[in-house]
Protein backbone atom coordinates (compact mmCIF):
# COMPACT_ATOMS: atom_id res chain seq x y z
CA UNK A 1 12.25 -17.91 22.04
CA UNK A 2 13.19 -16.95 25.59
CA UNK A 3 16.72 -16.28 24.36
CA UNK A 4 15.36 -13.89 21.76
CA UNK A 5 13.22 -12.02 24.29
CA UNK A 6 16.11 -11.79 26.74
CA UNK A 7 18.43 -10.47 24.01
CA UNK A 8 15.95 -7.76 23.10
CA UNK A 9 15.53 -6.83 26.75
CA UNK A 10 19.22 -6.04 27.17
CA UNK A 11 20.20 -2.42 27.63
CA UNK A 12 21.82 -2.26 24.18
CA UNK A 13 23.14 1.04 22.74
CA UNK A 14 20.24 3.38 22.05
CA UNK A 15 17.73 1.09 23.75
CA UNK A 16 16.36 1.23 27.29
CA UNK A 17 15.38 -1.94 29.18
CA UNK A 18 11.95 -3.30 28.36
CA UNK A 19 9.46 -3.20 31.20
CA UNK A 20 6.36 -5.05 29.99
CA UNK A 21 6.21 -8.86 30.00
CA UNK A 22 2.51 -9.63 29.37
CA UNK A 23 1.29 -12.66 27.45
CA UNK A 24 -0.55 -12.09 24.16
CA UNK A 25 -4.02 -12.54 25.71
CA UNK A 26 -3.12 -10.38 28.72
CA UNK A 27 -1.96 -7.58 26.44
CA UNK A 28 -5.23 -7.65 24.45
CA UNK A 29 -7.32 -7.46 27.62
CA UNK A 30 -5.16 -4.71 29.09
CA UNK A 31 -4.99 -2.50 26.00
CA UNK A 32 -8.69 -2.70 25.05
CA UNK A 33 -10.20 -2.43 28.53
CA UNK A 34 -12.64 0.41 29.40
CA UNK A 35 -10.69 3.60 29.90
CA UNK A 36 -7.59 2.29 28.10
CA UNK A 37 -6.06 4.03 25.09
CA UNK A 38 -7.27 1.27 22.77
CA UNK A 39 -10.69 0.80 24.34
CA UNK A 40 -13.16 -0.95 22.04
CA UNK A 41 -16.67 0.19 21.17
CA UNK A 42 -19.39 -1.08 18.86
CA UNK A 43 -20.56 1.08 15.97
CA UNK A 44 -23.37 0.34 13.53
CA UNK A 45 -22.68 1.35 9.94
CA UNK A 46 -25.00 0.59 7.02
CA UNK A 47 -26.85 -1.85 9.24
CA UNK A 48 -23.75 -3.81 10.31
CA UNK A 49 -22.10 -3.77 13.74
CA UNK A 50 -18.33 -3.22 13.81
CA UNK A 51 -15.74 -3.09 16.57
CA UNK A 52 -13.90 0.24 16.57
CA UNK A 53 -11.16 1.85 18.60
CA UNK A 54 -13.18 4.30 20.69
CA UNK A 55 -10.50 6.97 21.00
CA UNK A 56 -9.58 7.44 17.34
CA UNK A 57 -9.74 11.02 16.05
CA UNK A 58 -12.79 11.63 13.83
CA UNK A 59 -10.99 12.84 10.69
CA UNK A 60 -7.58 13.17 9.14
CA UNK A 61 -7.75 16.94 9.59
CA UNK A 62 -7.64 16.47 13.37
CA UNK A 63 -4.64 14.15 12.94
CA UNK A 64 -2.68 16.81 11.06
CA UNK A 65 -3.60 19.54 13.52
CA UNK A 66 -2.61 17.43 16.53
CA UNK A 67 0.72 16.56 14.93
CA UNK A 68 1.38 20.26 14.31
CA UNK A 69 0.73 21.04 17.96
CA UNK A 70 2.67 18.08 19.35
CA UNK A 71 5.62 17.95 16.96
CA UNK A 72 5.67 21.33 15.21
CA UNK A 73 9.42 22.01 15.22
CA UNK A 74 10.50 18.45 14.47
CA UNK A 75 11.68 17.41 11.01
CA UNK A 76 8.82 15.93 9.03
CA UNK A 77 9.66 15.64 5.31
CA UNK A 78 13.18 15.08 4.02
CA UNK A 79 13.86 14.72 0.30
CA UNK A 80 17.25 15.46 -1.22
CA UNK A 81 17.85 19.17 -0.43
CA UNK A 82 14.33 19.77 0.94
CA UNK A 83 13.70 19.59 4.69
CA UNK A 84 10.37 20.65 6.19
CA UNK A 85 9.16 20.60 9.80
CA UNK A 86 5.66 19.60 10.82
CA UNK A 87 4.78 23.28 11.18
CA UNK A 88 6.10 24.21 7.76
CA UNK A 89 4.32 21.35 6.01
CA UNK A 90 1.06 22.11 7.82
CA UNK A 91 1.20 25.80 6.91
CA UNK A 92 1.73 24.99 3.24
CA UNK A 93 -1.08 22.43 3.33
CA UNK A 94 -3.42 24.97 4.93
CA UNK A 95 -2.56 27.50 2.21
CA UNK A 96 -3.18 24.94 -0.55
CA UNK A 97 -6.45 23.86 1.10
CA UNK A 98 -7.54 27.51 1.21
CA UNK A 99 -6.77 27.81 -2.50
CA UNK A 100 -8.63 24.63 -3.35
CA UNK A 101 -11.79 26.08 -1.85
CA UNK A 102 -11.46 29.77 -2.73
CA UNK A 103 -9.42 29.79 -5.95
CA UNK A 104 -10.43 26.53 -7.60
CA UNK A 105 -13.96 26.21 -6.22
CA UNK A 106 -13.48 22.73 -4.77
CA UNK A 107 -16.52 21.62 -2.77
CA UNK A 108 -17.04 18.83 -0.29
CA UNK A 109 -17.07 15.50 -2.09
CA UNK A 110 -15.23 16.74 -5.19
CA UNK A 111 -12.38 14.57 -6.37
CA UNK A 112 -8.87 16.00 -6.68
CA UNK A 113 -6.11 13.85 -8.18
CA UNK A 114 -2.42 13.50 -7.37
CA UNK A 115 -0.09 12.21 -10.08
CA UNK A 116 3.57 12.43 -9.13
CA UNK A 117 6.58 10.68 -7.69
CA UNK A 118 7.41 10.67 -3.99
CA UNK A 119 7.91 14.38 -3.36
CA UNK A 120 7.14 16.47 -0.25
CA UNK A 121 4.50 18.19 -2.41
CA UNK A 122 2.62 14.88 -2.69
CA UNK A 123 2.20 14.88 1.08
CA UNK A 124 1.22 18.55 1.26
CA UNK A 125 -1.32 18.14 -1.55
CA UNK A 126 -2.82 15.08 0.18
CA UNK A 127 -3.10 16.93 3.50
CA UNK A 128 -4.79 19.86 1.76
CA UNK A 129 -7.25 17.73 -0.22
CA UNK A 130 -8.29 15.60 2.74
CA UNK A 131 -8.65 18.64 5.03
CA UNK A 132 -10.85 20.61 2.63
CA UNK A 133 -13.64 18.05 2.30
CA UNK A 134 -12.50 16.78 -1.09
CA UNK A 135 -11.61 13.20 -1.97
CA UNK A 136 -7.98 12.47 -2.81
CA UNK A 137 -7.59 10.37 -5.97
CA UNK A 138 -4.20 8.65 -6.05
CA UNK A 139 -3.08 8.10 -9.65
CA UNK A 140 -0.59 5.29 -10.07
CA UNK A 141 2.68 6.97 -11.02
CA UNK A 142 3.60 4.08 -13.31
CA UNK A 143 0.41 4.29 -15.34
CA UNK A 144 0.47 5.04 -19.03
CA UNK A 145 -1.35 8.09 -20.37
CA UNK A 146 -4.22 5.85 -21.43
CA UNK A 147 -4.59 4.52 -17.91
CA UNK A 148 -4.43 8.02 -16.41
CA UNK A 149 -7.11 9.21 -18.80
CA UNK A 150 -9.30 6.36 -17.59
CA UNK A 151 -8.62 7.33 -13.97
CA UNK A 152 -9.91 10.86 -14.61
CA UNK A 153 -12.98 9.64 -16.46
CA UNK A 154 -13.79 7.08 -13.79
CA UNK A 155 -13.29 9.35 -10.76
CA UNK A 156 -14.57 12.57 -12.29
CA UNK A 157 -11.62 14.53 -10.91
CA UNK A 158 -11.41 18.03 -12.42
CA UNK A 159 -8.24 19.22 -10.69
CA UNK A 160 -4.87 17.49 -10.43
CA UNK A 161 -1.43 17.97 -8.90
CA UNK A 162 1.11 16.76 -11.47
CA UNK A 163 4.84 16.45 -11.86
CA UNK A 164 6.13 16.99 -15.38
CA UNK A 165 6.65 13.36 -16.37
CA UNK A 166 3.13 12.21 -15.48
CA UNK A 167 1.54 15.36 -16.91
CA UNK A 168 3.21 14.83 -20.27
CA UNK A 169 1.77 11.32 -20.55
CA UNK A 170 -1.80 12.58 -20.49
CA UNK A 171 -1.50 16.29 -21.36
CA UNK A 172 -3.27 16.00 -24.70
CA UNK A 173 -6.38 14.54 -23.06
CA UNK A 174 -6.72 16.94 -20.12
CA UNK A 175 -8.45 19.86 -21.93
CA UNK A 176 -11.18 17.54 -23.21
CA UNK A 177 -11.63 16.17 -19.71
CA UNK A 178 -11.90 19.68 -18.24
CA UNK A 179 -9.02 19.07 -15.82
CA UNK A 180 -7.11 22.00 -14.32
CA UNK A 181 -3.50 21.34 -13.29
CA UNK A 182 -1.10 22.44 -10.58
CA UNK A 183 2.51 21.66 -11.52
CA UNK A 184 5.12 20.36 -9.08
CA UNK A 185 8.91 20.51 -9.52
CA UNK A 186 8.80 21.25 -13.24
CA UNK A 187 12.21 21.06 -14.91
CA UNK A 188 11.31 23.71 -17.49
CA UNK A 189 8.84 26.53 -17.95
CA UNK A 190 5.30 25.53 -17.08
CA UNK A 191 2.97 25.15 -20.05
CA UNK A 192 -0.01 27.45 -20.44
CA UNK A 193 -2.86 26.49 -18.14
CA UNK A 194 -0.66 24.79 -15.51
CA UNK A 195 -0.31 26.71 -12.23
CA UNK A 196 2.90 26.58 -10.21
CA UNK A 197 2.55 24.78 -6.88
CA UNK A 198 4.88 27.13 -5.03
CA UNK A 199 3.10 30.22 -6.33
CA UNK A 200 -0.28 28.77 -5.38
CA UNK A 201 0.62 28.15 -1.73
CA UNK A 202 2.63 31.35 -1.32
CA UNK A 203 -0.33 33.39 -2.56
CA UNK A 204 -2.33 32.11 0.42
CA UNK A 205 0.50 31.79 2.97
CA UNK A 206 -0.77 32.30 6.52
CA UNK A 207 -4.35 31.28 5.77
CA UNK A 208 -5.92 28.72 8.15
CA UNK A 209 -7.42 25.44 7.08
CA UNK A 210 -10.83 26.13 5.47
CA UNK A 211 -13.84 25.77 7.76
CA UNK A 212 -15.50 22.76 6.11
CA UNK A 213 -17.64 20.42 8.17
CA UNK A 214 -16.10 16.94 8.15
CA UNK A 215 -17.19 13.71 9.81
CA UNK A 216 -15.75 10.22 10.26
CA UNK A 217 -18.01 8.69 7.60
CA UNK A 218 -17.27 11.21 4.86
CA UNK A 219 -15.40 9.80 1.86
CA UNK A 220 -11.74 10.82 1.82
CA UNK A 221 -9.68 8.65 -0.55
CA UNK A 222 -9.93 6.77 -3.83
CA UNK A 223 -7.15 4.31 -4.61
CA UNK A 224 -7.33 2.29 -7.79
CA UNK A 225 -7.16 -1.46 -7.86
CA UNK A 226 -7.57 -3.51 -11.02
CA UNK A 227 -10.30 -6.08 -11.27
CA UNK A 228 -11.62 -9.13 -13.02
CA UNK A 229 -13.39 -6.98 -15.63
CA UNK A 230 -10.05 -5.78 -16.95
CA UNK A 231 -10.52 -2.16 -15.87
CA UNK A 232 -9.30 -0.48 -12.67
CA UNK A 233 -11.79 0.13 -9.86
CA UNK A 234 -11.66 3.08 -7.49
CA UNK A 235 -11.68 1.80 -3.90
CA UNK A 236 -13.42 4.44 -1.73
CA UNK A 237 -12.64 4.89 1.96
CA UNK A 238 -14.01 7.12 4.68
CA UNK A 239 -11.99 8.95 7.31
CA UNK A 240 -13.04 6.27 9.80
CA UNK A 241 -11.81 3.44 7.58
CA UNK A 242 -8.43 5.07 6.95
CA UNK A 243 -7.97 5.96 10.61
CA UNK A 244 -8.93 2.44 11.67
CA UNK A 245 -6.20 1.03 9.45
CA UNK A 246 -3.68 3.48 10.88
CA UNK A 247 -4.91 2.74 14.39
CA UNK A 248 -4.25 -0.96 13.92
CA UNK A 249 -0.50 -0.31 13.60
CA UNK A 250 -0.53 1.90 16.66
CA UNK A 251 -2.27 -0.89 18.51
CA UNK A 252 0.30 -3.46 17.37
CA UNK A 253 3.12 -1.21 18.59
CA UNK A 254 1.42 -0.80 21.97
CA UNK A 255 0.94 -4.55 22.18
CA UNK A 256 4.58 -5.27 21.44
CA UNK A 257 5.61 -2.81 24.16
CA UNK A 258 3.20 -4.45 26.64
CA UNK A 259 4.60 -7.89 25.80
CA UNK A 260 8.19 -6.75 26.26
CA UNK A 261 9.12 -7.00 22.60
CA UNK A 262 9.77 -3.31 21.94
CA UNK A 263 10.82 -0.18 23.85
CA UNK A 264 8.69 2.87 24.39
CA UNK A 265 9.61 5.37 21.63
CA UNK A 266 10.42 8.11 24.14
CA UNK A 267 12.93 5.79 25.82
CA UNK A 268 15.27 6.28 22.88
CA UNK A 269 15.96 10.04 23.04
CA UNK A 270 19.08 9.87 20.88
CA UNK A 271 17.15 9.52 17.60
CA UNK A 272 13.90 11.13 16.43
CA UNK A 273 11.39 8.48 15.31
CA UNK A 274 11.82 8.30 11.55
CA UNK A 275 11.05 6.09 8.59
CA UNK A 276 12.66 5.53 5.21
CA UNK A 277 10.00 5.88 2.49
CA UNK A 278 10.87 3.74 -0.56
CA UNK A 279 7.25 2.74 -1.26
CA UNK A 280 5.27 4.93 -3.66
CA UNK A 281 2.77 7.18 -1.93
CA UNK A 282 0.08 6.31 -4.47
CA UNK A 283 0.00 2.86 -2.86
CA UNK A 284 -1.82 2.20 0.37
CA UNK A 285 1.34 0.86 2.02
CA UNK A 286 3.17 4.09 1.32
CA UNK A 287 0.39 6.56 2.01
CA UNK A 288 -1.03 4.79 5.07
CA UNK A 289 1.59 2.59 6.76
CA UNK A 290 4.38 5.00 5.85
CA UNK A 291 2.93 8.51 5.79
CA UNK A 292 -0.27 8.63 7.83
CA UNK A 293 1.03 6.38 10.60
CA UNK A 294 3.84 8.91 11.15
CA UNK A 295 1.77 11.88 12.33
CA UNK A 296 0.84 10.52 15.74
CA UNK A 297 4.41 9.80 16.82
CA UNK A 298 6.11 12.76 15.14
CA UNK A 299 8.05 10.55 12.78
CA UNK A 300 10.45 12.05 10.24
CA UNK A 301 9.85 10.74 6.72
CA UNK A 302 12.95 10.30 4.58
CA UNK A 303 11.67 10.05 1.00
CA UNK A 304 13.24 8.24 -1.93
CA UNK A 305 12.62 9.06 -5.58
CA UNK A 306 13.39 5.50 -6.63
CA UNK A 307 14.37 2.40 -4.71
CA UNK A 308 18.07 1.54 -4.51
CA UNK A 309 19.34 -0.68 -1.67
CA UNK A 310 22.73 1.05 -1.40
CA UNK A 311 21.12 4.48 -1.26
CA UNK A 312 18.61 3.13 1.24
CA UNK A 313 21.40 2.03 3.59
CA UNK A 314 23.17 5.35 3.10
CA UNK A 315 20.03 7.30 4.03
CA UNK A 316 19.38 5.14 7.09
CA UNK A 317 22.86 5.92 8.34
CA UNK A 318 22.89 9.63 7.39
CA UNK A 319 19.39 10.52 8.64
CA UNK A 320 19.48 8.20 11.66
CA UNK A 321 16.38 6.38 10.45
CA UNK A 322 14.68 4.30 13.14
CA UNK A 323 12.32 2.18 11.02
CA UNK A 324 12.15 0.73 7.53
CA UNK A 325 8.95 -0.33 5.75
CA UNK A 326 9.01 -1.89 2.30
CA UNK A 327 8.08 -4.98 0.36
CA UNK A 328 10.14 -7.96 1.59
CA UNK A 329 12.28 -7.85 -1.57
CA UNK A 330 13.65 -4.47 -0.49
CA UNK A 331 14.64 -5.77 2.93
CA UNK A 332 16.22 -8.82 1.32
CA UNK A 333 18.28 -6.67 -1.06
CA UNK A 334 19.63 -4.59 1.82
CA UNK A 335 20.49 -7.74 3.75
CA UNK A 336 22.45 -8.98 0.72
CA UNK A 337 24.35 -5.69 0.31
CA UNK A 338 28.14 -5.99 0.64
CA UNK A 339 28.17 -2.64 2.48
CA UNK A 340 25.65 -3.69 5.14
CA UNK A 341 28.27 -4.48 7.78
CA UNK A 342 30.09 -1.20 7.13
CA UNK A 343 27.05 0.97 7.84
CA UNK A 344 26.25 2.50 11.23
CA UNK A 345 22.68 1.29 11.72
CA UNK A 346 22.45 1.88 15.47
CA UNK A 347 19.39 4.08 14.98
CA UNK A 348 17.42 1.40 13.16
CA UNK A 349 14.94 -0.22 15.54
CA UNK A 350 12.27 -1.82 13.34
CA UNK A 351 12.02 -3.50 9.95
CA UNK A 352 8.54 -4.11 8.56
CA UNK A 353 6.74 -4.80 5.32
CA UNK A 354 4.11 -6.67 3.38
CA UNK A 355 2.61 -6.93 -0.09
CA UNK A 356 4.56 -10.04 -1.11
CA UNK A 357 5.75 -13.35 0.34
CA UNK A 358 8.86 -13.26 2.54
CA UNK A 359 11.87 -14.74 0.67
CA UNK A 360 13.01 -18.03 2.11
CA UNK A 361 15.68 -17.60 4.77
CA UNK A 362 15.07 -13.88 5.26
CA UNK A 363 13.89 -14.17 8.86
CA UNK A 364 16.92 -16.31 9.74
CA UNK A 365 19.20 -13.71 8.16
CA UNK A 366 17.46 -10.88 10.01
CA UNK A 367 17.91 -12.74 13.27
CA UNK A 368 21.58 -13.42 12.57
CA UNK A 369 22.56 -9.95 11.34
CA UNK A 370 20.18 -7.75 13.34
CA UNK A 371 19.28 -9.61 16.56
CA UNK A 372 18.48 -6.42 18.49
CA UNK A 373 16.00 -5.10 15.90
CA UNK A 374 12.24 -5.64 15.70
CA UNK A 375 10.63 -7.20 12.64
CA UNK A 376 7.05 -7.09 11.47
CA UNK A 377 5.46 -8.39 8.30
CA UNK A 378 1.80 -8.76 7.55
CA UNK A 379 -1.13 -8.98 5.20
CA UNK A 380 -3.49 -6.27 4.01
CA UNK A 381 -5.13 -4.97 0.85
CA UNK A 382 -6.06 -1.70 -0.77
CA UNK A 383 -9.63 -2.63 0.17
CA UNK A 384 -8.64 -2.97 3.84
CA UNK A 385 -6.58 0.22 3.96
CA UNK A 386 -3.47 -1.97 4.31
CA UNK A 387 -4.63 -3.35 7.66
CA UNK A 388 -5.50 -6.97 8.35
CA UNK A 389 -3.03 -9.17 10.19
CA UNK A 390 0.50 -8.73 11.47
CA UNK A 391 3.30 -11.10 12.46
CA UNK A 392 6.12 -9.78 14.61
CA UNK A 393 9.31 -10.82 16.38
CA UNK A 394 8.75 -14.19 18.09
CA UNK A 395 5.79 -15.03 15.88
CA UNK A 396 7.88 -14.50 12.76
CA UNK A 397 10.60 -16.83 14.00
CA UNK A 398 8.12 -19.50 15.08
CA UNK A 399 5.85 -19.18 12.03
CA UNK A 400 7.73 -17.32 9.26
CA UNK A 401 5.16 -18.35 6.62
CA UNK A 402 2.29 -16.77 8.52
CA UNK A 403 0.88 -13.26 8.17
CA UNK A 404 0.19 -13.27 11.92
CA UNK A 405 -2.94 -12.47 13.87
CA UNK A 406 -5.58 -9.80 13.34
CA UNK A 407 -5.98 -6.86 15.69
CA UNK A 408 -9.15 -6.62 17.85
CA UNK A 409 -11.16 -4.55 15.32
CA UNK A 410 -10.69 -7.21 12.62
CA UNK A 411 -12.72 -10.39 12.21
CA UNK A 412 -11.43 -13.07 9.83
CA UNK A 413 -13.17 -16.18 8.54
CA UNK A 414 -12.30 -18.96 6.12
CA UNK A 415 -15.28 -20.08 4.05
CA UNK A 416 -15.97 -22.75 1.44
CA UNK A 417 -17.59 -22.18 -1.96
CA UNK A 418 -21.05 -22.26 -0.37
CA UNK A 419 -20.19 -19.59 2.21
CA UNK A 420 -19.89 -21.99 5.15
CA UNK A 421 -17.23 -21.19 7.75
CA UNK A 422 -14.42 -23.75 7.84
CA UNK A 423 -12.62 -24.96 10.98
CA UNK A 424 -9.00 -24.26 11.85
CA UNK A 425 -6.48 -25.77 9.50
CA UNK A 426 -8.75 -26.01 6.45
CA UNK A 427 -8.21 -23.93 3.33
CA UNK A 428 -10.87 -21.70 1.80
CA UNK A 429 -11.51 -18.11 0.84
CA UNK A 430 -10.52 -15.47 3.37
CA UNK A 431 -13.20 -12.90 4.24
CA UNK A 432 -12.75 -9.94 6.56
CA UNK A 433 -15.08 -7.72 8.54
CA UNK A 434 -13.69 -4.48 9.94
CA UNK A 435 -14.27 -0.75 10.24
CA UNK A 436 -11.08 -0.33 8.19
CA UNK A 437 -12.64 -1.85 5.07
CA UNK A 438 -13.53 0.36 2.12
CA UNK A 439 -17.07 1.65 1.66
CA UNK A 440 -17.10 0.20 -1.84
CA UNK A 441 -15.99 0.94 -5.38
CA UNK A 442 -16.60 4.34 -6.95
CA UNK A 443 -19.72 4.16 -9.14
CA UNK A 444 -19.56 0.35 -9.17
CA UNK A 445 -22.57 -0.90 -7.19
CA UNK A 446 -22.42 -4.39 -8.73
CA UNK A 447 -18.71 -4.82 -7.99
CA UNK A 448 -19.30 -3.49 -4.47
CA UNK A 449 -22.15 -5.94 -3.87
CA UNK A 450 -20.02 -8.80 -5.15
CA UNK A 451 -17.07 -7.93 -2.91
CA UNK A 452 -18.79 -6.75 0.29
CA UNK A 453 -21.60 -8.91 1.65
CA UNK A 454 -23.25 -8.19 5.01
CA UNK A 455 -20.17 -6.24 6.04
CA UNK A 456 -17.74 -9.01 5.09
CA UNK A 457 -15.17 -8.24 2.40
CA UNK A 458 -14.39 -11.16 0.10
CA UNK A 459 -10.62 -10.95 -0.35
CA UNK A 460 -10.20 -13.48 -3.15
CA UNK A 461 -7.30 -15.03 -1.22
CA UNK A 462 -7.20 -18.73 -0.41
CA UNK A 463 -6.02 -19.03 3.17
CA UNK A 464 -6.20 -20.96 6.41
CA UNK A 465 -6.13 -20.02 10.08
CA UNK A 466 -4.34 -22.40 12.43
CA UNK A 467 -5.34 -23.43 15.93
CA UNK A 468 -3.37 -20.53 17.39
CA UNK A 469 -5.19 -17.95 15.28
CA UNK A 470 -2.33 -17.32 12.83
CA UNK A 471 -3.29 -16.52 9.24
CA UNK A 472 -1.61 -18.18 6.24
CA UNK A 473 -2.20 -17.01 2.66
CA UNK A 474 -1.93 -20.12 0.46
CA UNK A 475 -3.06 -19.02 -3.01
CA UNK A 476 -5.32 -16.62 -4.84
CA UNK A 477 -8.86 -17.36 -5.84
CA UNK A 478 -8.98 -14.25 -7.97
CA UNK A 479 -6.99 -14.15 -11.17
CA UNK A 480 -4.18 -11.91 -10.00
CA UNK A 481 -0.40 -11.81 -10.09
CA UNK A 482 1.42 -10.27 -7.12
CA UNK A 483 4.68 -8.91 -8.54
CA UNK A 484 6.94 -7.27 -5.98
CA UNK A 485 3.97 -5.78 -4.11
CA UNK A 486 2.13 -4.72 -7.30
CA UNK A 487 -1.23 -6.29 -8.07
CA UNK A 488 -1.59 -7.22 -11.76
CA UNK A 489 -4.99 -8.50 -12.77
CA UNK A 490 -4.78 -10.96 -15.61
CA UNK A 491 -8.07 -9.86 -17.14
CA UNK A 492 -6.62 -6.41 -17.76
CA UNK A 493 -3.56 -7.89 -19.49
CA UNK A 494 -5.68 -10.21 -21.60
CA UNK A 495 -8.04 -7.39 -22.60
CA UNK A 496 -5.10 -5.44 -24.04
CA UNK A 497 -3.39 -8.45 -25.67
CA UNK A 498 -6.64 -9.38 -27.42
CA UNK A 499 -6.68 -5.91 -29.00
CA UNK A 500 -3.64 -6.87 -31.09
CA UNK A 501 -4.92 -7.66 -34.59
CA UNK A 502 -2.73 -10.77 -34.89
CA UNK A 503 -3.91 -12.44 -31.64
CA UNK A 504 -6.43 -15.27 -31.76
CA UNK A 505 -6.52 -16.03 -28.04
CA UNK A 506 -4.41 -15.43 -24.96
CA UNK A 507 -4.11 -16.26 -21.28
CA UNK A 508 -2.10 -14.44 -18.59
CA UNK A 509 -1.01 -15.82 -15.22
CA UNK A 510 1.80 -15.70 -12.67
CA UNK A 511 4.90 -17.86 -12.43
CA UNK A 512 7.25 -18.04 -9.44
CA UNK A 513 10.12 -15.58 -9.22
CA UNK A 514 12.79 -15.69 -6.52
CA UNK A 515 13.18 -11.90 -6.27
CA UNK A 516 9.68 -10.54 -6.87
CA UNK A 517 7.55 -13.46 -5.68
CA UNK A 518 5.78 -13.76 -9.02
CA UNK A 519 6.35 -12.62 -12.59
CA UNK A 520 3.73 -12.11 -15.27
CA UNK A 521 3.51 -14.63 -18.11
CA UNK A 522 1.21 -14.75 -21.11
CA UNK A 523 0.53 -17.52 -23.62
CA UNK A 524 -0.61 -16.30 -27.02
CA UNK A 525 -2.10 -18.15 -29.97
CA UNK A 526 -1.68 -16.10 -33.18
CA UNK A 527 -4.32 -16.01 -35.88
CA UNK A 528 -3.68 -18.31 -38.83
CA UNK A 529 -0.98 -16.86 -41.04
CA UNK A 530 -0.34 -13.89 -38.73
CA UNK A 531 3.18 -12.60 -38.19
CA UNK A 532 3.62 -12.26 -34.43
CA UNK A 533 6.50 -12.67 -32.02
CA UNK A 534 7.06 -12.17 -28.29
CA UNK A 535 8.63 -8.75 -28.73
CA UNK A 536 5.57 -7.60 -30.64
CA UNK A 537 3.25 -8.74 -27.86
CA UNK A 538 5.30 -6.91 -25.24
CA UNK A 539 5.52 -3.75 -27.33
CA UNK A 540 1.75 -3.77 -27.81
CA UNK A 541 1.08 -4.08 -24.07
CA UNK A 542 3.63 -1.33 -23.35
CA UNK A 543 1.68 1.07 -25.60
CA UNK A 544 -1.41 0.77 -23.39
CA UNK A 545 -0.36 -0.18 -19.86
CA UNK A 546 2.23 0.66 -17.24
CA UNK A 547 5.64 -0.92 -17.63
CA UNK A 548 5.26 -3.26 -14.64
CA UNK A 549 2.26 -4.83 -16.42
CA UNK A 550 4.28 -5.78 -19.50
CA UNK A 551 4.67 -9.58 -19.35
CA UNK A 552 8.14 -10.78 -18.47
CA UNK A 553 7.48 -14.07 -20.26
CA UNK A 554 5.66 -14.56 -23.57
CA UNK A 555 5.04 -18.01 -24.98
CA UNK A 556 3.57 -18.43 -28.47
CA UNK A 557 1.89 -21.65 -29.54
CA UNK A 558 -0.28 -22.74 -32.45
CA UNK A 559 -2.63 -25.10 -30.60
CA UNK A 560 -5.85 -23.91 -29.00
CA UNK A 561 -5.42 -23.22 -25.29
CA UNK A 562 -6.62 -26.01 -22.95
CA UNK A 563 -10.14 -25.66 -21.57
CA UNK A 564 -12.06 -27.05 -18.64
CA UNK A 565 -15.55 -28.49 -18.50
CA UNK A 566 -17.12 -25.04 -18.68
CA UNK A 567 -15.00 -24.15 -21.75
CA UNK A 568 -12.98 -21.64 -19.75
CA UNK A 569 -9.27 -21.58 -20.50
CA UNK A 570 -7.58 -23.81 -17.93
CA UNK A 571 -4.73 -21.60 -16.74
CA UNK A 572 -3.38 -23.99 -14.14
CA UNK A 573 -2.76 -26.59 -16.85
CA UNK A 574 -1.02 -23.96 -18.96
CA UNK A 575 1.10 -22.80 -16.07
CA UNK A 576 2.16 -26.33 -15.15
CA UNK A 577 2.99 -27.03 -18.79
CA UNK A 578 5.14 -23.92 -19.06
CA UNK A 579 7.04 -24.70 -15.87
CA UNK A 580 7.63 -28.32 -16.91
CA UNK A 581 8.97 -27.19 -20.28
CA UNK A 582 11.30 -24.61 -18.75
CA UNK A 583 14.18 -25.17 -21.22
CA UNK A 584 12.13 -23.70 -24.06
CA UNK A 585 10.42 -21.18 -21.80
CA UNK A 586 12.92 -18.34 -21.84
CA UNK A 587 12.37 -14.75 -20.70
CA UNK A 588 12.17 -12.14 -23.42
CA UNK A 589 15.04 -9.68 -23.71
CA UNK A 590 14.58 -6.45 -21.78
């Protein structure tokens, strides 16, 4: 490990010598002390005491305004032929926010949806919504029209920013839902009733942000996460929760600098801080770890319409990108690229990610190919605003299977089935208490009460914490498949499969996949005499759900599915049986 630290402390091209050499505990004490940038304070919320970073801004609106003042003329959003500075993006967001209030009648607490690919307009719309007192509802861009319709009904959003592809999926339902639309980057003439984004902001160009009273505990975002009931739930966060999650990454960066593992950003004047954005902005990793974490350091965001490792490497080289954040599969694919060694990646300082297990051997390959870079992978959830625990540099090499340690505003516990805390090294359910946790689920008091108890969020992950405080995720208590960073809840898949008239019973679960971590599998028992095949099952699911939720593997059998003592279908037995009978368990054709 000393060799690694010494290598990173060399005055390599584009990097200044590292000055800090604190231990982990020394860095925590130094950074969180009274008067320090990351000073801690105690705040009571809904009767529960939380640790908070005292110096966080109160709302996202202050974050945008500060970024405009600090970084106004720097590049902010880069997408194909579009390039906007912080000033330009802020001015457009202010104009849109003005229009939300004065043209569309949006009031504090109203929900406004965004349904589009990664475009600069997504960012501008989000800034406008969250500055005007409204709640931003992030619609999953891969959802089917049926799922989008549900998202509107559940959230009550009456206004949406849409690109053409997502609008067309749900267009027939929008009039009945009373939803007004603002169209973004339409490839043809806008349909009647859809306003043009560019015309909307230009009509109010020069207007300031609307004067709406905002506070840290006002709701600001709804991001959907599926659940055990088979229907998506809207996870609601306040400004404080979102900013706490963002603050955790700022804290980690400060800690790495203090420990001598990373340079001060301003010590690398050759390249503007920048990040490649391959993750969808409707996900918490994209919107929070990618977008919102960029404002404070004036980071340029290089956006991608769709992930492609070769294009990713090309953009890193062309735009002099300094950091990359994606699911580990994306990093692995770039490391495997035959053009990797031919690219000029001098600007790239940091590689980070989460949302899926790290492929075996990836840390070793990072260390061999990119010894002067900084690596960070961690654990977080939609319900924790992507924050939780982080593992970086030396920790990743020493404990590559660990998600790392939590930051000072996060408390983690491992509990048994009776709620008793377990000692180090024992496996149980992971629960988390933090100011970055969601307030609850939109209009779901029972689901909220089940998930959040006395301030502790029940994650549904089976985990352990070792004697050094490092977190390891071992399995999932909740019935969920984690496919390339996407959460797929089996209850939702089963609900749709059971709607097929030829299905008698079904069970969905995850099976290992080298590239994506897990793939979705479903076992189906047809009704007596029914004509059903795997292609029919997949086609049925595709009619109702997003493509990534269509099972990769379908196994049909005539026997009743195995059951446990409580008569619940025993999925572990099914899964083991499928894996042991791999020769006859073949993936369906794409």
